[in-house]
């Protein structure tokens, strides 16, 4: 394949390769995309971010960063991936979470049919908050009831009442000797022709 750098007179084969390289770059994100763009810039543009911007239409800053990452071996993190997002409540407060798991496991039982591994609990979110307050945890660190329900659900405790076994209906078993247990037959009357 010819060097794509002389793109002023590209034949159709080079244009196909150009579109393939652009498509491959669009399928990647973050550090993988920058690494790919840096490799293509080194291979086809003599390592020039300006040429990569002109030929491929990529961001010159992204190609430059990719080349620096390739040279140093250090991958840069964006501010969003490094600092973005909030931690889960149970990650922020591990001691309270341990007390909550102890409470929830004391009030839970396995699904009676053993079809799932989910533990069902009779402990509601409001009751869990009440018991955590009774253990001495401050209201400032405890979540609201809806968040408490999400925390319990997220960690495998489903908030619903559990019936250990369904009671059987009390009905009489049919007895063969009983007159009500068999099929009822209507006595047939013989048809008497009238004279």
C-alpha atoms as a PDB file:
ATOM      1  CA  UNK A   1       0.000   0.000   0.000  1.00  0.00           C
ATOM      2  CA  UNK A   2       1.294   3.434  -0.871  1.00  0.00           C
ATOM      3  CA  UNK A   3       1.855   6.040   1.760  1.00  0.00           C
ATOM      4  CA  UNK A   4      -1.500   7.761   2.310  1.00  0.00           C
ATOM      5  CA  UNK A   5       0.349  10.990   3.055  1.00  0.00           C
ATOM      6  CA  UNK A   6       0.306  11.863  -0.643  1.00  0.00           C
ATOM      7  CA  UNK A   7      -3.478  11.919  -0.632  1.00  0.00           C
ATOM      8  CA  UNK A   8      -3.803  14.473  -3.404  1.00  0.00           C
ATOM      9  CA  UNK A   9      -3.844  11.702  -6.001  1.00  0.00           C
ATOM     10  CA  UNK A  10      -5.210   8.684  -4.088  1.00  0.00           C
ATOM     11  CA  UNK A  11      -6.552   5.781  -6.084  1.00  0.00           C
ATOM     12  CA  UNK A  12      -9.770   4.000  -5.041  1.00  0.00           C
ATOM     13  CA  UNK A  13      -7.865   1.373  -3.048  1.00  0.00           C
ATOM     14  CA  UNK A  14      -6.324   4.046  -0.789  1.00  0.00           C
ATOM     15  CA  UNK A  15      -9.709   5.729  -0.295  1.00  0.00           C
ATOM     16  CA  UNK A  16     -11.158   2.379   0.835  1.00  0.00           C
ATOM     17  CA  UNK A  17      -8.332   1.948   3.341  1.00  0.00           C
ATOM     18  CA  UNK A  18      -8.849   5.505   4.575  1.00  0.00           C
ATOM     19  CA  UNK A  19     -12.548   4.884   5.247  1.00  0.00           C
ATOM     20  CA  UNK A  20     -11.744   1.566   6.964  1.00  0.00           C
ATOM     21  CA  UNK A  21      -9.229   3.240   9.272  1.00  0.00           C
ATOM     22  CA  UNK A  22     -11.700   6.041  10.095  1.00  0.00           C
ATOM     23  CA  UNK A  23     -14.450   3.499  10.805  1.00  0.00           C
ATOM     24  CA  UNK A  24     -12.162   1.456  13.073  1.00  0.00           C
ATOM     25  CA  UNK A  25     -11.276   4.600  15.004  1.00  0.00           C
ATOM     26  CA  UNK A  26     -14.950   5.502  15.490  1.00  0.00           C
ATOM     27  CA  UNK A  27     -15.628   2.106  17.106  1.00  0.00           C
ATOM     28  CA  UNK A  28     -13.123   2.769  19.894  1.00  0.00           C
ATOM     29  CA  UNK A  29     -13.203   5.152  22.833  1.00  0.00           C
ATOM     30  CA  UNK A  30     -10.742   6.737  25.231  1.00  0.00           C
ATOM     31  CA  UNK A  31      -7.206   5.411  25.515  1.00  0.00           C
ATOM     32  CA  UNK A  32      -7.796   2.621  22.978  1.00  0.00           C
ATOM     33  CA  UNK A  33      -8.830   5.163  20.344  1.00  0.00           C
ATOM     34  CA  UNK A  34      -5.863   7.411  21.088  1.00  0.00           C
ATOM     35  CA  UNK A  35      -3.450   4.464  20.887  1.00  0.00           C
ATOM     36  CA  UNK A  36      -4.922   3.408  17.522  1.00  0.00           C
ATOM     37  CA  UNK A  37      -4.781   6.959  16.174  1.00  0.00           C
ATOM     38  CA  UNK A  38      -1.160   7.308  17.317  1.00  0.00           C
ATOM     39  CA  UNK A  39      -0.175   4.056  15.575  1.00  0.00           C
ATOM     40  CA  UNK A  40      -1.873   5.121  12.342  1.00  0.00           C
ATOM     41  CA  UNK A  41      -0.223   8.561  12.583  1.00  0.00           C
ATOM     42  CA  UNK A  42       3.201   6.936  12.964  1.00  0.00           C
ATOM     43  CA  UNK A  43       2.552   4.455  10.137  1.00  0.00           C
ATOM     44  CA  UNK A  44       0.947   6.723   7.535  1.00  0.00           C
ATOM     45  CA  UNK A  45       1.706  10.307   8.591  1.00  0.00           C
ATOM     46  CA  UNK A  46       5.328  10.070   9.787  1.00  0.00           C
ATOM     47  CA  UNK A  47       4.127  10.693  13.373  1.00  0.00           C
ATOM     48  CA  UNK A  48       2.647  14.101  12.559  1.00  0.00           C
ATOM     49  CA  UNK A  49      -0.603  14.961  14.380  1.00  0.00           C
ATOM     50  CA  UNK A  50      -1.207  17.756  11.859  1.00  0.00           C
ATOM     51  CA  UNK A  51      -1.065  15.324   8.939  1.00  0.00           C
ATOM     52  CA  UNK A  52      -3.341  12.877  10.823  1.00  0.00           C
ATOM     53  CA  UNK A  53      -5.846  15.695  11.291  1.00  0.00           C
ATOM     54  CA  UNK A  54      -5.662  16.578   7.596  1.00  0.00           C
ATOM     55  CA  UNK A  55      -5.899  13.033   6.231  1.00  0.00           C
ATOM     56  CA  UNK A  56      -8.129  11.226   8.740  1.00  0.00           C
ATOM     57  CA  UNK A  57     -10.057  14.155  10.224  1.00  0.00           C
ATOM     58  CA  UNK A  58      -9.064  13.267  13.793  1.00  0.00           C
ATOM     59  CA  UNK A  59      -8.484  15.739  16.594  1.00  0.00           C
ATOM     60  CA  UNK A  60      -4.879  16.920  16.564  1.00  0.00           C
ATOM     61  CA  UNK A  61      -4.857  17.102  20.384  1.00  0.00           C
ATOM     62  CA  UNK A  62      -6.073  13.499  20.699  1.00  0.00           C
ATOM     63  CA  UNK A  63      -3.396  12.224  18.308  1.00  0.00           C
ATOM     64  CA  UNK A  64      -0.729  14.235  20.169  1.00  0.00           C
ATOM     65  CA  UNK A  65      -1.859  12.784  23.494  1.00  0.00           C
ATOM     66  CA  UNK A  66      -1.876   9.288  21.972  1.00  0.00           C
ATOM     67  CA  UNK A  67       1.679   9.769  20.721  1.00  0.00           C
ATOM     68  CA  UNK A  68       2.792  10.944  24.188  1.00  0.00           C
ATOM     69  CA  UNK A  69       1.075   7.956  25.818  1.00  0.00           C
ATOM     70  CA  UNK A  70       2.775   5.640  23.328  1.00  0.00           C
ATOM     71  CA  UNK A  71       6.176   7.220  23.959  1.00  0.00           C
ATOM     72  CA  UNK A  72       5.979   7.232  27.781  1.00  0.00           C
ATOM     73  CA  UNK A  73       3.829   4.158  28.385  1.00  0.00           C
ATOM     74  CA  UNK A  74       1.603   6.133  30.782  1.00  0.00           C
ATOM     75  CA  UNK A  75      -2.115   6.212  30.014  1.00  0.00           C
ATOM     76  CA  UNK A  76      -3.822   9.492  30.881  1.00  0.00           C
ATOM     77  CA  UNK A  77      -7.191   9.458  32.612  1.00  0.00           C
ATOM     78  CA  UNK A  78      -9.856  11.992  31.826  1.00  0.00           C
ATOM     79  CA  UNK A  79     -11.327  14.060  34.631  1.00  0.00           C
ATOM     80  CA  UNK A  80     -14.694  12.343  34.237  1.00  0.00           C
ATOM     81  CA  UNK A  81     -13.357   8.805  34.654  1.00  0.00           C
ATOM     82  CA  UNK A  82     -10.991   9.836  37.462  1.00  0.00           C
ATOM     83  CA  UNK A  83     -13.342  12.015  39.485  1.00  0.00           C
ATOM     84  CA  UNK A  84     -16.815  11.499  38.050  1.00  0.00           C
ATOM     85  CA  UNK A  85     -19.648   9.637  39.683  1.00  0.00           C
ATOM     86  CA  UNK A  86     -20.628   9.236  43.272  1.00  0.00           C
ATOM     87  CA  UNK A  87     -19.754   6.232  45.401  1.00  0.00           C
ATOM     88  CA  UNK A  88     -22.504   3.885  46.510  1.00  0.00           C
ATOM     89  CA  UNK A  89     -23.876   4.448  50.013  1.00  0.00           C
ATOM     90  CA  UNK A  90     -22.485   1.132  51.248  1.00  0.00           C
ATOM     91  CA  UNK A  91     -19.018   2.092  49.953  1.00  0.00           C
ATOM     92  CA  UNK A  92     -19.137   5.447  51.735  1.00  0.00           C
ATOM     93  CA  UNK A  93     -20.251   3.947  55.062  1.00  0.00           C
ATOM     94  CA  UNK A  94     -18.877   0.390  55.366  1.00  0.00           C
ATOM     95  CA  UNK A  95     -19.421   0.108  59.142  1.00  0.00           C
ATOM     96  CA  UNK A  96     -23.103   1.016  58.886  1.00  0.00           C
ATOM     97  CA  UNK A  97     -23.432  -1.300  55.888  1.00  0.00           C
ATOM     98  CA  UNK A  98     -22.058  -4.213  57.953  1.00  0.00           C
ATOM     99  CA  UNK A  99     -24.639  -3.511  60.654  1.00  0.00           C
ATOM    100  CA  UNK A 100     -27.350  -3.361  57.981  1.00  0.00           C
ATOM    101  CA  UNK A 101     -26.297  -6.726  56.483  1.00  0.00           C
ATOM    102  CA  UNK A 102     -26.419  -8.280  59.950  1.00  0.00           C
ATOM    103  CA  UNK A 103     -29.943  -6.905  60.442  1.00  0.00           C
ATOM    104  CA  UNK A 104     -31.130  -8.009  57.020  1.00  0.00           C
ATOM    105  CA  UNK A 105     -29.711 -11.518  57.306  1.00  0.00           C
ATOM    106  CA  UNK A 106     -31.357 -11.927  60.727  1.00  0.00           C
ATOM    107  CA  UNK A 107     -34.752 -11.133  59.164  1.00  0.00           C
ATOM    108  CA  UNK A 108     -34.343 -13.033  55.910  1.00  0.00           C
ATOM    109  CA  UNK A 109     -34.862 -16.535  54.645  1.00  0.00           C
ATOM    110  CA  UNK A 110     -34.221 -18.449  51.476  1.00  0.00           C
ATOM    111  CA  UNK A 111     -36.869 -18.722  48.772  1.00  0.00           C
ATOM    112  CA  UNK A 112     -39.030 -21.700  49.870  1.00  0.00           C
ATOM    113  CA  UNK A 113     -39.031 -23.165  46.363  1.00  0.00           C
ATOM    114  CA  UNK A 114     -35.181 -22.886  46.160  1.00  0.00           C
ATOM    115  CA  UNK A 115     -35.521 -21.660  42.571  1.00  0.00           C
ATOM    116  CA  UNK A 116     -33.404 -18.547  43.185  1.00  0.00           C
ATOM    117  CA  UNK A 117     -30.493 -17.562  45.406  1.00  0.00           C
ATOM    118  CA  UNK A 118     -32.264 -14.363  46.493  1.00  0.00           C
ATOM    119  CA  UNK A 119     -32.952 -13.948  50.185  1.00  0.00           C
ATOM    120  CA  UNK A 120     -36.398 -12.628  50.969  1.00  0.00           C
ATOM    121  CA  UNK A 121     -36.801 -10.440  54.008  1.00  0.00           C
ATOM    122  CA  UNK A 122     -39.626  -9.132  56.109  1.00  0.00           C
ATOM    123  CA  UNK A 123     -37.476  -6.155  57.098  1.00  0.00           C
ATOM    124  CA  UNK A 124     -38.737  -2.980  55.460  1.00  0.00           C
ATOM    125  CA  UNK A 125     -36.541   0.008  54.681  1.00  0.00           C
ATOM    126  CA  UNK A 126     -38.258   2.103  57.372  1.00  0.00           C
ATOM    127  CA  UNK A 127     -37.766  -0.643  59.955  1.00  0.00           C
ATOM    128  CA  UNK A 128     -34.105  -1.020  58.963  1.00  0.00           C
ATOM    129  CA  UNK A 129     -33.569   2.720  59.449  1.00  0.00           C
ATOM    130  CA  UNK A 130     -35.321   2.592  62.808  1.00  0.00           C
ATOM    131  CA  UNK A 131     -33.132  -0.278  64.016  1.00  0.00           C
ATOM    132  CA  UNK A 132     -29.943   1.395  62.760  1.00  0.00           C
ATOM    133  CA  UNK A 133     -30.901   4.565  64.654  1.00  0.00           C
ATOM    134  CA  UNK A 134     -31.467   2.422  67.754  1.00  0.00           C
ATOM    135  CA  UNK A 135     -27.906   1.091  67.363  1.00  0.00           C
ATOM    136  CA  UNK A 136     -26.611   4.664  67.620  1.00  0.00           C
ATOM    137  CA  UNK A 137     -25.989   5.684  64.015  1.00  0.00           C
ATOM    138  CA  UNK A 138     -26.654   9.363  63.275  1.00  0.00           C
ATOM    139  CA  UNK A 139     -29.413  10.509  60.921  1.00  0.00           C
ATOM    140  CA  UNK A 140     -26.883  12.451  58.814  1.00  0.00           C
ATOM    141  CA  UNK A 141     -25.203   9.260  57.574  1.00  0.00           C
ATOM    142  CA  UNK A 142     -28.369   7.206  57.123  1.00  0.00           C
ATOM    143  CA  UNK A 143     -30.105   7.351  53.747  1.00  0.00           C
ATOM    144  CA  UNK A 144     -33.767   8.117  53.125  1.00  0.00           C
ATOM    145  CA  UNK A 145     -36.194   5.154  53.040  1.00  0.00           C
ATOM    146  CA  UNK A 146     -36.272   4.916  49.230  1.00  0.00           C
ATOM    147  CA  UNK A 147     -32.460   4.821  49.049  1.00  0.00           C
ATOM    148  CA  UNK A 148     -32.400   2.234  51.849  1.00  0.00           C
ATOM    149  CA  UNK A 149     -34.769   0.069  49.794  1.00  0.00           C
ATOM    150  CA  UNK A 150     -32.437   0.384  46.785  1.00  0.00           C
ATOM    151  CA  UNK A 151     -29.422  -0.528  48.930  1.00  0.00           C
ATOM    152  CA  UNK A 152     -31.130  -3.660  50.225  1.00  0.00           C
ATOM    153  CA  UNK A 153     -32.364  -4.665  46.769  1.00  0.00           C
ATOM    154  CA  UNK A 154     -28.976  -4.014  45.187  1.00  0.00           C
ATOM    155  CA  UNK A 155     -27.304  -6.370  47.671  1.00  0.00           C
ATOM    156  CA  UNK A 156     -29.676  -9.292  47.206  1.00  0.00           C
ATOM    157  CA  UNK A 157     -32.333  -8.660  49.843  1.00  0.00           C
ATOM    158  CA  UNK A 158     -35.778  -8.396  48.303  1.00  0.00           C
ATOM    159  CA  UNK A 159     -38.252  -6.458  50.384  1.00  0.00           C
ATOM    160  CA  UNK A 160     -41.378  -8.574  50.424  1.00  0.00           C
ATOM    161  CA  UNK A 161     -43.223 -10.705  52.944  1.00  0.00           C
ATOM    162  CA  UNK A 162     -42.393 -14.376  52.886  1.00  0.00           C
ATOM    163  CA  UNK A 163     -44.736 -17.283  53.410  1.00  0.00           C
ATOM    164  CA  UNK A 164     -42.834 -20.348  54.589  1.00  0.00           C
ATOM    165  CA  UNK A 165     -45.335 -22.799  53.163  1.00  0.00           C
ATOM    166  CA  UNK A 166     -48.744 -22.302  51.705  1.00  0.00           C
ATOM    167  CA  UNK A 167     -51.458 -23.846  53.880  1.00  0.00           C
ATOM    168  CA  UNK A 168     -53.357 -26.625  52.212  1.00  0.00           C
ATOM    169  CA  UNK A 169     -57.045 -26.243  51.690  1.00  0.00           C
ATOM    170  CA  UNK A 170     -59.182 -28.215  54.061  1.00  0.00           C
ATOM    171  CA  UNK A 171     -61.518 -30.147  51.882  1.00  0.00           C
ATOM    172  CA  UNK A 172     -62.997 -33.575  52.255  1.00  0.00           C
ATOM    173  CA  UNK A 173     -61.491 -36.357  50.292  1.00  0.00           C
ATOM    174  CA  UNK A 174     -64.066 -38.255  48.315  1.00  0.00           C
ATOM    175  CA  UNK A 175     -64.853 -41.673  49.756  1.00  0.00           C
ATOM    176  CA  UNK A 176     -65.952 -44.401  47.355  1.00  0.00           C
ATOM    177  CA  UNK A 177     -68.665 -45.587  49.737  1.00  0.00           C
ATOM    178  CA  UNK A 178     -70.088 -42.122  50.222  1.00  0.00           C
ATOM    179  CA  UNK A 179     -73.249 -41.418  48.250  1.00  0.00           C
ATOM    180  CA  UNK A 180     -71.960 -37.936  47.385  1.00  0.00           C
ATOM    181  CA  UNK A 181     -68.572 -39.004  46.073  1.00  0.00           C
ATOM    182  CA  UNK A 182     -69.616 -40.939  42.989  1.00  0.00           C
ATOM    183  CA  UNK A 183     -71.254 -39.785  39.832  1.00  0.00           C
ATOM    184  CA  UNK A 184     -74.822 -38.824  40.253  1.00  0.00           C
ATOM    185  CA  UNK A 185     -77.163 -40.562  37.993  1.00  0.00           C
ATOM    186  CA  UNK A 186     -80.651 -39.478  37.381  1.00  0.00           C
ATOM    187  CA  UNK A 187     -83.003 -42.420  37.644  1.00  0.00           C
ATOM    188  CA  UNK A 188     -84.429 -43.105  34.268  1.00  0.00           C
ATOM    189  CA  UNK A 189     -88.123 -43.570  33.972  1.00  0.00           C
ATOM    190  CA  UNK A 190     -89.470 -45.823  31.345  1.00  0.00           C
ATOM    191  CA  UNK A 191     -91.535 -44.218  28.759  1.00  0.00           C
ATOM    192  CA  UNK A 192     -95.021 -45.686  28.840  1.00  0.00           C
ATOM    193  CA  UNK A 193     -96.906 -45.271  25.609  1.00  0.00           C
ATOM    194  CA  UNK A 194    -100.356 -43.987  26.140  1.00  0.00           C
ATOM    195  CA  UNK A 195    -103.281 -45.957  24.763  1.00  0.00           C
END
